[in-house]
């Protein structure tokens, strides 16, 4: 009776699978996963999402070393960020730590303190 038509612009459900840690959650320990993740709470410990996207929400506070495919930061990250693809620091986002990535974008109003290593071959190596 009820059917949902998928738009041509929508990604298949497997490509959009993601998990979310809400703003009221506080986690101490290692987070690993094989899907995209959005964090809006507090995390103290390493985060490993090999080949997947991490979104740091505007209310998030991370004290973490991050390994991911892509990283989008709206909140605060204290620790090193290693991404195979792209790191985006959005307006009001903050990273205090070193970044190693194939591509980087820092918007006006964002805060960054650390070193940046840009290596475009990271993306090619991940595709192999």
PDB file of N, CA and C in Angstrom:
ATOM      1  N   UNK A   1       0.818  -1.186   0.000  1.00  0.00           N
ATOM      2  CA  UNK A   1       0.000   0.000   0.000  1.00  0.00           C
ATOM      3  C   UNK A   1       0.865   1.255   0.000  1.00  0.00           C
ATOM      4  N   UNK A   2       1.870   1.290   0.884  1.00  0.00           N
ATOM      5  CA  UNK A   2       2.768   2.429   0.925  1.00  0.00           C
ATOM      6  C   UNK A   2       4.043   2.078   0.186  1.00  0.00           C
ATOM      7  N   UNK A   3       4.434   2.911  -0.733  1.00  0.00           N
ATOM      8  CA  UNK A   3       5.688   2.691  -1.439  1.00  0.00           C
ATOM      9  C   UNK A   3       6.490   3.986  -1.442  1.00  0.00           C
ATOM     10  N   UNK A   4       7.760   3.841  -1.448  1.00  0.00           N
ATOM     11  CA  UNK A   4       8.637   4.998  -1.509  1.00  0.00           C
ATOM     12  C   UNK A   4       9.383   4.952  -2.825  1.00  0.00           C
ATOM     13  N   UNK A   5       9.278   6.016  -3.571  1.00  0.00           N
ATOM     14  CA  UNK A   5      10.019   6.099  -4.817  1.00  0.00           C
ATOM     15  C   UNK A   5      11.380   6.711  -4.526  1.00  0.00           C
ATOM     16  N   UNK A   6      12.395   6.086  -5.044  1.00  0.00           N
ATOM     17  CA  UNK A   6      13.749   6.592  -4.838  1.00  0.00           C
ATOM     18  C   UNK A   6      14.080   7.574  -5.944  1.00  0.00           C
ATOM     19  N   UNK A   7      14.487   8.768  -5.547  1.00  0.00           N
ATOM     20  CA  UNK A   7      14.896   9.767  -6.531  1.00  0.00           C
ATOM     21  C   UNK A   7      16.202   9.343  -7.177  1.00  0.00           C
ATOM     22  N   UNK A   8      16.414   9.805  -8.379  1.00  0.00           N
ATOM     23  CA  UNK A   8      17.654   9.477  -9.084  1.00  0.00           C
ATOM     24  C   UNK A   8      18.865  10.061  -8.364  1.00  0.00           C
ATOM     25  N   UNK A   9      18.658  11.161  -7.605  1.00  0.00           N
ATOM     26  CA  UNK A   9      19.773  11.792  -6.914  1.00  0.00           C
ATOM     27  C   UNK A   9      20.076  11.135  -5.572  1.00  0.00           C
ATOM     28  N   UNK A  10      19.182  10.299  -5.058  1.00  0.00           N
ATOM     29  CA  UNK A  10      19.418   9.630  -3.784  1.00  0.00           C
ATOM     30  C   UNK A  10      20.400   8.488  -3.957  1.00  0.00           C
ATOM     31  N   UNK A  11      21.260   8.339  -2.990  1.00  0.00           N
ATOM     32  CA  UNK A  11      22.196   7.218  -3.006  1.00  0.00           C
ATOM     33  C   UNK A  11      21.476   5.972  -2.525  1.00  0.00           C
ATOM     34  N   UNK A  12      21.896   4.805  -2.953  1.00  0.00           N
ATOM     35  CA  UNK A  12      21.311   3.588  -2.424  1.00  0.00           C
ATOM     36  C   UNK A  12      21.482   3.548  -0.916  1.00  0.00           C
ATOM     37  N   UNK A  13      20.581   2.864  -0.218  1.00  0.00           N
ATOM     38  CA  UNK A  13      20.595   2.883   1.236  1.00  0.00           C
ATOM     39  C   UNK A  13      21.917   2.395   1.809  1.00  0.00           C
ATOM     40  N   UNK A  14      22.599   1.468   1.163  1.00  0.00           N
ATOM     41  CA  UNK A  14      23.872   0.984   1.681  1.00  0.00           C
ATOM     42  C   UNK A  14      24.941   2.070   1.642  1.00  0.00           C
ATOM     43  N   UNK A  15      24.863   2.987   0.684  1.00  0.00           N
ATOM     44  CA  UNK A  15      25.857   4.046   0.579  1.00  0.00           C
ATOM     45  C   UNK A  15      25.624   5.136   1.616  1.00  0.00           C
ATOM     46  N   UNK A  16      24.378   5.236   2.156  1.00  0.00           N
ATOM     47  CA  UNK A  16      24.074   6.276   3.116  1.00  0.00           C
ATOM     48  C   UNK A  16      24.083   5.780   4.551  1.00  0.00           C
ATOM     49  N   UNK A  17      24.360   4.524   4.774  1.00  0.00           N
ATOM     50  CA  UNK A  17      24.325   4.003   6.125  1.00  0.00           C
ATOM     51  C   UNK A  17      25.283   4.771   7.010  1.00  0.00           C
ATOM     52  N   UNK A  18      24.754   5.201   8.152  1.00  0.00           N
ATOM     53  CA  UNK A  18      25.607   5.903   9.094  1.00  0.00           C
ATOM     54  C   UNK A  18      25.040   5.753  10.496  1.00  0.00           C
ATOM     55  N   UNK A  19      25.925   5.939  11.462  1.00  0.00           N
ATOM     56  CA  UNK A  19      25.538   5.882  12.861  1.00  0.00           C
ATOM     57  C   UNK A  19      25.686   7.275  13.447  1.00  0.00           C
ATOM     58  N   UNK A  20      25.021   7.509  14.582  1.00  0.00           N
ATOM     59  CA  UNK A  20      25.080   8.824  15.202  1.00  0.00           C
ATOM     60  C   UNK A  20      25.189   8.665  16.711  1.00  0.00           C
ATOM     61  N   UNK A  21      26.116   9.426  17.306  1.00  0.00           N
ATOM     62  CA  UNK A  21      26.239   9.505  18.757  1.00  0.00           C
ATOM     63  C   UNK A  21      25.700  10.868  19.166  1.00  0.00           C
ATOM     64  N   UNK A  22      24.622  10.873  19.933  1.00  0.00           N
ATOM     65  CA  UNK A  22      23.929  12.101  20.293  1.00  0.00           C
ATOM     66  C   UNK A  22      24.709  13.013  21.225  1.00  0.00           C
ATOM     67  N   UNK A  23      24.207  14.243  21.367  1.00  0.00           N
ATOM     68  CA  UNK A  23      24.881  15.292  22.133  1.00  0.00           C
ATOM     69  C   UNK A  23      25.010  14.958  23.609  1.00  0.00           C
ATOM     70  N   UNK A  24      24.138  14.130  24.152  1.00  0.00           N
ATOM     71  CA  UNK A  24      24.198  13.827  25.588  1.00  0.00           C
ATOM     72  C   UNK A  24      25.134  12.665  25.912  1.00  0.00           C
ATOM     73  N   UNK A  25      25.718  12.027  24.888  1.00  0.00           N
ATOM     74  CA  UNK A  25      26.583  10.874  25.120  1.00  0.00           C
ATOM     75  C   UNK A  25      28.031  11.293  25.353  1.00  0.00           C
ATOM     76  N   UNK A  26      28.666  10.632  26.331  1.00  0.00           N
ATOM     77  CA  UNK A  26      30.085  10.802  26.597  1.00  0.00           C
ATOM     78  C   UNK A  26      30.727   9.425  26.558  1.00  0.00           C
ATOM     79  N   UNK A  27      31.761   9.276  25.723  1.00  0.00           N
ATOM     80  CA  UNK A  27      32.406   7.975  25.543  1.00  0.00           C
ATOM     81  C   UNK A  27      33.892   8.113  25.826  1.00  0.00           C
ATOM     82  N   UNK A  28      34.409   7.171  26.615  1.00  0.00           N
ATOM     83  CA  UNK A  28      35.856   7.080  26.850  1.00  0.00           C
ATOM     84  C   UNK A  28      36.279   5.708  26.356  1.00  0.00           C
ATOM     85  N   UNK A  29      37.136   5.686  25.342  1.00  0.00           N
ATOM     86  CA  UNK A  29      37.587   4.425  24.782  1.00  0.00           C
ATOM     87  C   UNK A  29      37.760   4.535  23.285  1.00  0.00           C
ATOM     88  N   UNK A  30      38.117   3.413  22.660  1.00  0.00           N
ATOM     89  CA  UNK A  30      38.403   3.344  21.229  1.00  0.00           C
ATOM     90  C   UNK A  30      37.112   3.083  20.459  1.00  0.00           C
ATOM     91  N   UNK A  31      36.822   3.923  19.477  1.00  0.00           N
ATOM     92  CA  UNK A  31      35.657   3.722  18.596  1.00  0.00           C
ATOM     93  C   UNK A  31      36.175   3.232  17.261  1.00  0.00           C
ATOM     94  N   UNK A  32      35.652   2.085  16.800  1.00  0.00           N
ATOM     95  CA  UNK A  32      35.987   1.575  15.469  1.00  0.00           C
ATOM     96  C   UNK A  32      34.688   1.282  14.746  1.00  0.00           C
ATOM     97  N   UNK A  33      34.720   1.345  13.419  1.00  0.00           N
ATOM     98  CA  UNK A  33      33.515   1.048  12.674  1.00  0.00           C
ATOM     99  C   UNK A  33      33.778   0.923  11.193  1.00  0.00           C
ATOM    100  N   UNK A  34      32.779   0.360  10.516  1.00  0.00           N
ATOM    101  CA  UNK A  34      32.838   0.188   9.067  1.00  0.00           C
ATOM    102  C   UNK A  34      31.628   0.851   8.419  1.00  0.00           C
ATOM    103  N   UNK A  35      31.277   2.017   8.947  1.00  0.00           N
ATOM    104  CA  UNK A  35      30.199   2.820   8.388  1.00  0.00           C
ATOM    105  C   UNK A  35      30.468   4.275   8.735  1.00  0.00           C
ATOM    106  N   UNK A  36      29.758   5.181   8.102  1.00  0.00           N
ATOM    107  CA  UNK A  36      29.901   6.597   8.401  1.00  0.00           C
ATOM    108  C   UNK A  36      29.395   6.860   9.810  1.00  0.00           C
ATOM    109  N   UNK A  37      29.951   7.884  10.453  1.00  0.00           N
ATOM    110  CA  UNK A  37      29.583   8.189  11.832  1.00  0.00           C
ATOM    111  C   UNK A  37      29.481   9.686  12.021  1.00  0.00           C
ATOM    112  N   UNK A  38      28.422  10.126  12.724  1.00  0.00           N
ATOM    113  CA  UNK A  38      28.298  11.515  13.145  1.00  0.00           C
ATOM    114  C   UNK A  38      28.335  11.531  14.660  1.00  0.00           C
ATOM    115  N   UNK A  39      29.189  12.376  15.209  1.00  0.00           N
ATOM    116  CA  UNK A  39      29.312  12.501  16.657  1.00  0.00           C
ATOM    117  C   UNK A  39      28.886  13.905  17.060  1.00  0.00           C
ATOM    118  N   UNK A  40      27.935  13.970  18.004  1.00  0.00           N
ATOM    119  CA  UNK A  40      27.488  15.254  18.536  1.00  0.00           C
ATOM    120  C   UNK A  40      27.832  15.397  20.014  1.00  0.00           C
ATOM    121  N   UNK A  41      28.340  14.345  20.636  1.00  0.00           N
ATOM    122  CA  UNK A  41      28.657  14.353  22.058  1.00  0.00           C
ATOM    123  C   UNK A  41      30.146  14.488  22.311  1.00  0.00           C
ATOM    124  N   UNK A  42      30.601  13.917  23.452  1.00  0.00           N
ATOM    125  CA  UNK A  42      32.004  13.995  23.847  1.00  0.00           C
ATOM    126  C   UNK A  42      32.655  12.624  23.710  1.00  0.00           C
ATOM    127  N   UNK A  43      33.861  12.611  23.144  1.00  0.00           N
ATOM    128  CA  UNK A  43      34.618  11.366  22.997  1.00  0.00           C
ATOM    129  C   UNK A  43      36.044  11.625  23.464  1.00  0.00           C
ATOM    130  N   UNK A  44      36.540  10.700  24.283  1.00  0.00           N
ATOM    131  CA  UNK A  44      37.923  10.748  24.738  1.00  0.00           C
ATOM    132  C   UNK A  44      38.548   9.399  24.396  1.00  0.00           C
ATOM    133  N   UNK A  45      39.268   9.336  23.277  1.00  0.00           N
ATOM    134  CA  UNK A  45      39.873   8.099  22.815  1.00  0.00           C
ATOM    135  C   UNK A  45      39.943   8.078  21.303  1.00  0.00           C
ATOM    136  N   UNK A  46      40.739   7.169  20.741  1.00  0.00           N
ATOM    137  CA  UNK A  46      40.927   7.115  19.289  1.00  0.00           C
ATOM    138  C   UNK A  46      39.663   6.690  18.538  1.00  0.00           C
ATOM    139  N   UNK A  47      39.556   7.182  17.301  1.00  0.00           N
ATOM    140  CA  UNK A  47      38.436   6.853  16.414  1.00  0.00           C
ATOM    141  C   UNK A  47      39.007   6.332  15.106  1.00  0.00           C
ATOM    142  N   UNK A  48      38.584   5.128  14.704  1.00  0.00           N
ATOM    143  CA  UNK A  48      39.067   4.516  13.466  1.00  0.00           C
ATOM    144  C   UNK A  48      37.872   4.116  12.610  1.00  0.00           C
ATOM    145  N   UNK A  49      37.704   4.788  11.470  1.00  0.00           N
ATOM    146  CA  UNK A  49      36.638   4.483  10.509  1.00  0.00           C
ATOM    147  C   UNK A  49      37.287   4.339   9.134  1.00  0.00           C
ATOM    148  N   UNK A  50      38.081   3.317   8.951  1.00  0.00           N
ATOM    149  CA  UNK A  50      38.849   3.161   7.717  1.00  0.00           C
ATOM    150  C   UNK A  50      37.961   3.279   6.486  1.00  0.00           C
ATOM    151  N   UNK A  51      38.243   4.286   5.669  1.00  0.00           N
ATOM    152  CA  UNK A  51      37.541   4.476   4.416  1.00  0.00           C
ATOM    153  C   UNK A  51      36.150   5.066   4.548  1.00  0.00           C
ATOM    154  N   UNK A  52      35.723   5.450   5.744  1.00  0.00           N
ATOM    155  CA  UNK A  52      34.376   5.993   5.925  1.00  0.00           C
ATOM    156  C   UNK A  52      34.455   7.423   6.454  1.00  0.00           C
ATOM    157  N   UNK A  53      33.327   8.123   6.434  1.00  0.00           N
ATOM    158  CA  UNK A  53      33.287   9.532   6.794  1.00  0.00           C
ATOM    159  C   UNK A  53      32.938   9.723   8.257  1.00  0.00           C
ATOM    160  N   UNK A  54      33.666  10.628   8.909  1.00  0.00           N
ATOM    161  CA  UNK A  54      33.350  11.056  10.263  1.00  0.00           C
ATOM    162  C   UNK A  54      32.894  12.503  10.197  1.00  0.00           C
ATOM    163  N   UNK A  55      31.717  12.775  10.759  1.00  0.00           N
ATOM    164  CA  UNK A  55      31.220  14.143  10.881  1.00  0.00           C
ATOM    165  C   UNK A  55      31.239  14.509  12.354  1.00  0.00           C
ATOM    166  N   UNK A  56      31.942  15.581  12.676  1.00  0.00           N
ATOM    167  CA  UNK A  56      32.015  16.084  14.043  1.00  0.00           C
ATOM    168  C   UNK A  56      30.998  17.220  14.137  1.00  0.00           C
ATOM    169  N   UNK A  57      29.886  16.955  14.823  1.00  0.00           N
ATOM    170  CA  UNK A  57      28.801  17.926  14.912  1.00  0.00           C
ATOM    171  C   UNK A  57      29.194  19.174  15.694  1.00  0.00           C
ATOM    172  N   UNK A  58      28.362  20.209  15.605  1.00  0.00           N
ATOM    173  CA  UNK A  58      28.685  21.499  16.214  1.00  0.00           C
ATOM    174  C   UNK A  58      28.765  21.439  17.734  1.00  0.00           C
ATOM    175  N   UNK A  59      28.103  20.470  18.370  1.00  0.00           N
ATOM    176  CA  UNK A  59      28.156  20.349  19.827  1.00  0.00           C
ATOM    177  C   UNK A  59      29.209  19.350  20.290  1.00  0.00           C
ATOM    178  N   UNK A  60      29.916  18.723  19.365  1.00  0.00           N
ATOM    179  CA  UNK A  60      30.884  17.667  19.697  1.00  0.00           C
ATOM    180  C   UNK A  60      32.181  18.236  20.245  1.00  0.00           C
ATOM    181  N   UNK A  61      32.764  17.464  21.176  1.00  0.00           N
ATOM    182  CA  UNK A  61      34.084  17.764  21.712  1.00  0.00           C
ATOM    183  C   UNK A  61      34.859  16.458  21.725  1.00  0.00           C
ATOM    184  N   UNK A  62      35.872  16.358  20.866  1.00  0.00           N
ATOM    185  CA  UNK A  62      36.646  15.132  20.734  1.00  0.00           C
ATOM    186  C   UNK A  62      38.080  15.358  21.189  1.00  0.00           C
ATOM    187  N   UNK A  63      38.562  14.474  22.034  1.00  0.00           N
ATOM    188  CA  UNK A  63      39.989  14.395  22.380  1.00  0.00           C
ATOM    189  C   UNK A  63      40.436  13.059  21.814  1.00  0.00           C
ATOM    190  N   UNK A  64      40.752  13.047  20.518  1.00  0.00           N
ATOM    191  CA  UNK A  64      40.923  11.793  19.795  1.00  0.00           C
ATOM    192  C   UNK A  64      41.959  11.903  18.706  1.00  0.00           C
ATOM    193  N   UNK A  65      42.618  10.780  18.429  1.00  0.00           N
ATOM    194  CA  UNK A  65      43.350  10.632  17.182  1.00  0.00           C
ATOM    195  C   UNK A  65      42.368   9.984  16.221  1.00  0.00           C
ATOM    196  N   UNK A  66      42.199  10.583  15.045  1.00  0.00           N
ATOM    197  CA  UNK A  66      41.163  10.148  14.107  1.00  0.00           C
ATOM    198  C   UNK A  66      41.811   9.582  12.851  1.00  0.00           C
ATOM    199  N   UNK A  67      41.350   8.380  12.448  1.00  0.00           N
ATOM    200  CA  UNK A  67      41.716   7.753  11.181  1.00  0.00           C
ATOM    201  C   UNK A  67      40.409   7.494  10.435  1.00  0.00           C
ATOM    202  N   UNK A  68      40.223   8.147   9.286  1.00  0.00           N
ATOM    203  CA  UNK A  68      38.967   7.991   8.550  1.00  0.00           C
ATOM    204  C   UNK A  68      39.198   8.272   7.070  1.00  0.00           C
ATOM    205  N   UNK A  69      38.175   7.986   6.268  1.00  0.00           N
ATOM    206  CA  UNK A  69      38.237   8.302   4.851  1.00  0.00           C
ATOM    207  C   UNK A  69      38.149   9.804   4.636  1.00  0.00           C
ATOM    208  N   UNK A  70      37.063  10.410   5.148  1.00  0.00           N
ATOM    209  CA  UNK A  70      36.852  11.849   5.095  1.00  0.00           C
ATOM    210  C   UNK A  70      36.451  12.319   6.484  1.00  0.00           C
ATOM    211  N   UNK A  71      36.792  13.566   6.825  1.00  0.00           N
ATOM    212  CA  UNK A  71      36.438  14.126   8.118  1.00  0.00           C
ATOM    213  C   UNK A  71      35.860  15.520   7.891  1.00  0.00           C
ATOM    214  N   UNK A  72      34.663  15.763   8.434  1.00  0.00           N
ATOM    215  CA  UNK A  72      34.004  17.065   8.357  1.00  0.00           C
ATOM    216  C   UNK A  72      33.826  17.557   9.787  1.00  0.00           C
ATOM    217  N   UNK A  73      34.364  18.745  10.092  1.00  0.00           N
ATOM    218  CA  UNK A  73      34.389  19.234  11.465  1.00  0.00           C
ATOM    219  C   UNK A  73      33.556  20.511  11.597  1.00  0.00           C
ATOM    220  N   UNK A  74      32.481  20.407  12.392  1.00  0.00           N
ATOM    221  CA  UNK A  74      31.673  21.569  12.774  1.00  0.00           C
ATOM    222  C   UNK A  74      31.940  21.933  14.237  1.00  0.00           C
ATOM    223  N   UNK A  75      32.455  20.979  15.030  1.00  0.00           N
ATOM    224  CA  UNK A  75      32.706  21.148  16.459  1.00  0.00           C
ATOM    225  C   UNK A  75      34.187  21.254  16.745  1.00  0.00           C
ATOM    226  N   UNK A  76      34.617  20.647  17.879  1.00  0.00           N
ATOM    227  CA  UNK A  76      36.003  20.794  18.327  1.00  0.00           C
ATOM    228  C   UNK A  76      36.701  19.438  18.369  1.00  0.00           C
ATOM    229  N   UNK A  77      37.905  19.398  17.784  1.00  0.00           N
ATOM    230  CA  UNK A  77      38.749  18.203  17.815  1.00  0.00           C
ATOM    231  C   UNK A  77      40.109  18.597  18.377  1.00  0.00           C
ATOM    232  N   UNK A  78      40.544  17.882  19.435  1.00  0.00           N
ATOM    233  CA  UNK A  78      41.890  18.032  19.953  1.00  0.00           C
ATOM    234  C   UNK A  78      42.577  16.699  19.707  1.00  0.00           C
ATOM    235  N   UNK A  79      43.526  16.679  18.781  1.00  0.00           N
ATOM    236  CA  UNK A  79      44.212  15.448  18.411  1.00  0.00           C
ATOM    237  C   UNK A  79      44.514  15.446  16.928  1.00  0.00           C
ATOM    238  N   UNK A  80      45.315  14.494  16.499  1.00  0.00           N
ATOM    239  CA  UNK A  80      45.709  14.406  15.098  1.00  0.00           C
ATOM    240  C   UNK A  80      44.610  13.778  14.256  1.00  0.00           C
ATOM    241  N   UNK A  81      44.511  14.250  13.006  1.00  0.00           N
ATOM    242  CA  UNK A  81      43.497  13.762  12.067  1.00  0.00           C
ATOM    243  C   UNK A  81      44.223  13.216  10.839  1.00  0.00           C
ATOM    244  N   UNK A  82      44.001  11.929  10.543  1.00  0.00           N
ATOM    245  CA  UNK A  82      44.571  11.296   9.357  1.00  0.00           C
ATOM    246  C   UNK A  82      43.420  10.837   8.477  1.00  0.00           C
ATOM    247  N   UNK A  83      43.293  11.428   7.284  1.00  0.00           N
ATOM    248  CA  UNK A  83      42.198  11.113   6.377  1.00  0.00           C
ATOM    249  C   UNK A  83      42.745  10.706   5.025  1.00  0.00           C
ATOM    250  N   UNK A  84      42.168   9.666   4.445  1.00  0.00           N
ATOM    251  CA  UNK A  84      42.586   9.236   3.104  1.00  0.00           C
ATOM    252  C   UNK A  84      42.053  10.167   2.039  1.00  0.00           C
ATOM    253  N   UNK A  85      40.923  10.788   2.309  1.00  0.00           N
ATOM    254  CA  UNK A  85      40.299  11.672   1.332  1.00  0.00           C
ATOM    255  C   UNK A  85      40.465  13.132   1.707  1.00  0.00           C
ATOM    256  N   UNK A  86      39.419  13.692   2.317  1.00  0.00           N
ATOM    257  CA  UNK A  86      39.350  15.131   2.542  1.00  0.00           C
ATOM    258  C   UNK A  86      39.075  15.444   4.008  1.00  0.00           C
ATOM    259  N   UNK A  87      39.647  16.550   4.474  1.00  0.00           N
ATOM    260  CA  UNK A  87      39.311  17.111   5.776  1.00  0.00           C
ATOM    261  C   UNK A  87      38.695  18.482   5.520  1.00  0.00           C
ATOM    262  N   UNK A  88      37.478  18.686   6.029  1.00  0.00           N
ATOM    263  CA  UNK A  88      36.783  19.970   5.917  1.00  0.00           C
ATOM    264  C   UNK A  88      36.586  20.537   7.311  1.00  0.00           C
ATOM    265  N   UNK A  89      37.128  21.718   7.558  1.00  0.00           N
ATOM    266  CA  UNK A  89      36.866  22.408   8.812  1.00  0.00           C
ATOM    267  C   UNK A  89      35.881  23.524   8.486  1.00  0.00           C
ATOM    268  N   UNK A  90      34.675  23.380   8.980  1.00  0.00           N
ATOM    269  CA  UNK A  90      33.601  24.320   8.666  1.00  0.00           C
ATOM    270  C   UNK A  90      33.658  25.537   9.586  1.00  0.00           C
ATOM    271  N   UNK A  91      32.880  26.564   9.247  1.00  0.00           N
ATOM    272  CA  UNK A  91      32.800  27.774  10.059  1.00  0.00           C
ATOM    273  C   UNK A  91      32.485  27.360  11.492  1.00  0.00           C
ATOM    274  N   UNK A  92      33.200  27.928  12.449  1.00  0.00           N
ATOM    275  CA  UNK A  92      33.079  27.628  13.882  1.00  0.00           C
ATOM    276  C   UNK A  92      33.643  26.260  14.261  1.00  0.00           C
ATOM    277  N   UNK A  93      34.171  25.484  13.300  1.00  0.00           N
ATOM    278  CA  UNK A  93      34.837  24.227  13.612  1.00  0.00           C
ATOM    279  C   UNK A  93      36.258  24.504  14.083  1.00  0.00           C
ATOM    280  N   UNK A  94      36.831  23.522  14.812  1.00  0.00           N
ATOM    281  CA  UNK A  94      38.166  23.736  15.371  1.00  0.00           C
ATOM    282  C   UNK A  94      38.929  22.420  15.432  1.00  0.00           C
ATOM    283  N   UNK A  95      40.171  22.454  14.947  1.00  0.00           N
ATOM    284  CA  UNK A  95      41.089  21.327  15.109  1.00  0.00           C
ATOM    285  C   UNK A  95      42.375  21.866  15.722  1.00  0.00           C
ATOM    286  N   UNK A  96      42.759  21.248  16.844  1.00  0.00           N
ATOM    287  CA  UNK A  96      44.050  21.534  17.462  1.00  0.00           C
ATOM    288  C   UNK A  96      44.832  20.234  17.378  1.00  0.00           C
ATOM    289  N   UNK A  97      45.728  20.152  16.419  1.00  0.00           N
ATOM    290  CA  UNK A  97      46.482  18.935  16.158  1.00  0.00           C
ATOM    291  C   UNK A  97      46.921  18.919  14.705  1.00  0.00           C
ATOM    292  N   UNK A  98      47.680  17.920  14.346  1.00  0.00           N
ATOM    293  CA  UNK A  98      48.198  17.810  12.987  1.00  0.00           C
ATOM    294  C   UNK A  98      47.198  17.121  12.076  1.00  0.00           C
ATOM    295  N   UNK A  99      47.202  17.525  10.806  1.00  0.00           N
ATOM    296  CA  UNK A  99      46.317  16.947   9.796  1.00  0.00           C
ATOM    297  C   UNK A  99      47.168  16.332   8.692  1.00  0.00           C
ATOM    298  N   UNK A 100      46.838  15.099   8.312  1.00  0.00           N
ATOM    299  CA  UNK A 100      47.446  14.445   7.159  1.00  0.00           C
ATOM    300  C   UNK A 100      46.307  13.984   6.267  1.00  0.00           C
ATOM    301  N   UNK A 101      46.275  14.489   5.037  1.00  0.00           N
ATOM    302  CA  UNK A 101      45.127  14.249   4.168  1.00  0.00           C
ATOM    303  C   UNK A 101      45.512  14.437   2.707  1.00  0.00           C
ATOM    304  N   UNK A 102      44.663  13.943   1.816  1.00  0.00           N
ATOM    305  CA  UNK A 102      44.870  14.169   0.391  1.00  0.00           C
ATOM    306  C   UNK A 102      44.377  15.564  -0.016  1.00  0.00           C
ATOM    307  N   UNK A 103      43.317  16.042   0.662  1.00  0.00           N
ATOM    308  CA  UNK A 103      42.751  17.366   0.368  1.00  0.00           C
ATOM    309  C   UNK A 103      42.283  17.992   1.671  1.00  0.00           C
ATOM    310  N   UNK A 104      42.249  19.326   1.701  1.00  0.00           N
ATOM    311  CA  UNK A 104      41.793  20.020   2.901  1.00  0.00           C
ATOM    312  C   UNK A 104      41.041  21.283   2.519  1.00  0.00           C
ATOM    313  N   UNK A 105      40.064  21.626   3.346  1.00  0.00           N
ATOM    314  CA  UNK A 105      39.298  22.850   3.163  1.00  0.00           C
ATOM    315  C   UNK A 105      39.079  23.464   4.544  1.00  0.00           C
ATOM    316  N   UNK A 106      39.418  24.742   4.689  1.00  0.00           N
ATOM    317  CA  UNK A 106      39.215  25.454   5.943  1.00  0.00           C
ATOM    318  C   UNK A 106      38.395  26.702   5.640  1.00  0.00           C
ATOM    319  N   UNK A 107      37.162  26.740   6.160  1.00  0.00           N
ATOM    320  CA  UNK A 107      36.274  27.872   5.891  1.00  0.00           C
ATOM    321  C   UNK A 107      36.646  29.078   6.747  1.00  0.00           C
ATOM    322  N   UNK A 108      36.225  30.264   6.300  1.00  0.00           N
ATOM    323  CA  UNK A 108      36.373  31.471   7.107  1.00  0.00           C
ATOM    324  C   UNK A 108      35.646  31.266   8.427  1.00  0.00           C
ATOM    325  N   UNK A 109      36.293  31.666   9.515  1.00  0.00           N
ATOM    326  CA  UNK A 109      35.695  31.515  10.841  1.00  0.00           C
ATOM    327  C   UNK A 109      36.099  30.227  11.536  1.00  0.00           C
ATOM    328  N   UNK A 110      36.754  29.314  10.812  1.00  0.00           N
ATOM    329  CA  UNK A 110      37.228  28.070  11.414  1.00  0.00           C
ATOM    330  C   UNK A 110      38.533  28.335  12.142  1.00  0.00           C
ATOM    331  N   UNK A 111      38.888  27.435  13.070  1.00  0.00           N
ATOM    332  CA  UNK A 111      40.122  27.571  13.837  1.00  0.00           C
ATOM    333  C   UNK A 111      40.960  26.316  13.643  1.00  0.00           C
ATOM    334  N   UNK A 112      42.245  26.515  13.341  1.00  0.00           N
ATOM    335  CA  UNK A 112      43.155  25.394  13.186  1.00  0.00           C
ATOM    336  C   UNK A 112      44.499  25.764  13.788  1.00  0.00           C
ATOM    337  N   UNK A 113      45.041  24.861  14.609  1.00  0.00           N
ATOM    338  CA  UNK A 113      46.382  25.061  15.157  1.00  0.00           C
ATOM    339  C   UNK A 113      47.103  23.734  15.060  1.00  0.00           C
ATOM    340  N   UNK A 114      48.149  23.684  14.245  1.00  0.00           N
ATOM    341  CA  UNK A 114      48.905  22.454  14.044  1.00  0.00           C
ATOM    342  C   UNK A 114      49.613  22.490  12.709  1.00  0.00           C
ATOM    343  N   UNK A 115      50.025  21.310  12.258  1.00  0.00           N
ATOM    344  CA  UNK A 115      50.708  21.173  10.971  1.00  0.00           C
ATOM    345  C   UNK A 115      49.785  20.453   9.998  1.00  0.00           C
ATOM    346  N   UNK A 116      50.015  20.716   8.713  1.00  0.00           N
ATOM    347  CA  UNK A 116      49.236  20.066   7.658  1.00  0.00           C
ATOM    348  C   UNK A 116      50.191  19.371   6.703  1.00  0.00           C
ATOM    349  N   UNK A 117      49.893  18.104   6.407  1.00  0.00           N
ATOM    350  CA  UNK A 117      50.611  17.375   5.361  1.00  0.00           C
ATOM    351  C   UNK A 117      49.578  16.971   4.316  1.00  0.00           C
ATOM    352  N   UNK A 118      49.744  17.496   3.109  1.00  0.00           N
ATOM    353  CA  UNK A 118      48.819  17.175   2.026  1.00  0.00           C
ATOM    354  C   UNK A 118      49.529  16.241   1.059  1.00  0.00           C
ATOM    355  N   UNK A 119      48.952  15.063   0.858  1.00  0.00           N
ATOM    356  CA  UNK A 119      49.536  14.046  -0.016  1.00  0.00           C
ATOM    357  C   UNK A 119      48.439  13.484  -0.913  1.00  0.00           C
ATOM    358  N   UNK A 120      48.306  14.007  -2.150  1.00  0.00           N
ATOM    359  CA  UNK A 120      47.247  13.550  -3.055  1.00  0.00           C
ATOM    360  C   UNK A 120      47.306  12.062  -3.377  1.00  0.00           C
ATOM    361  N   UNK A 121      48.441  11.416  -3.167  1.00  0.00           N
ATOM    362  CA  UNK A 121      48.544   9.988  -3.466  1.00  0.00           C
ATOM    363  C   UNK A 121      47.772   9.139  -2.462  1.00  0.00           C
ATOM    364  N   UNK A 122      47.369   9.709  -1.318  1.00  0.00           N
ATOM    365  CA  UNK A 122      46.581   8.955  -0.338  1.00  0.00           C
ATOM    366  C   UNK A 122      45.279   8.465  -0.946  1.00  0.00           C
ATOM    367  N   UNK A 123      44.613   9.316  -1.747  1.00  0.00           N
ATOM    368  CA  UNK A 123      43.368   8.931  -2.383  1.00  0.00           C
ATOM    369  C   UNK A 123      43.597   7.818  -3.402  1.00  0.00           C
ATOM    370  N   UNK A 124      44.660   7.929  -4.180  1.00  0.00           N
ATOM    371  CA  UNK A 124      44.953   6.906  -5.180  1.00  0.00           C
ATOM    372  C   UNK A 124      45.294   5.580  -4.515  1.00  0.00           C
ATOM    373  N   UNK A 125      46.036   5.606  -3.415  1.00  0.00           N
ATOM    374  CA  UNK A 125      46.402   4.385  -2.710  1.00  0.00           C
ATOM    375  C   UNK A 125      45.171   3.715  -2.121  1.00  0.00           C
ATOM    376  N   UNK A 126      44.200   4.514  -1.668  1.00  0.00           N
ATOM    377  CA  UNK A 126      42.986   3.964  -1.077  1.00  0.00           C
ATOM    378  C   UNK A 126      42.125   3.284  -2.151  1.00  0.00           C
ATOM    379  N   UNK A 127      42.214   3.772  -3.399  1.00  0.00           N
ATOM    380  CA  UNK A 127      41.409   3.194  -4.486  1.00  0.00           C
ATOM    381  C   UNK A 127      41.944   1.849  -4.950  1.00  0.00           C
ATOM    382  N   UNK A 128      43.205   1.584  -4.702  1.00  0.00           N
ATOM    383  CA  UNK A 128      43.829   0.348  -5.173  1.00  0.00           C
ATOM    384  C   UNK A 128      43.432  -0.840  -4.343  1.00  0.00           C
TER     385      UNK A 128
END
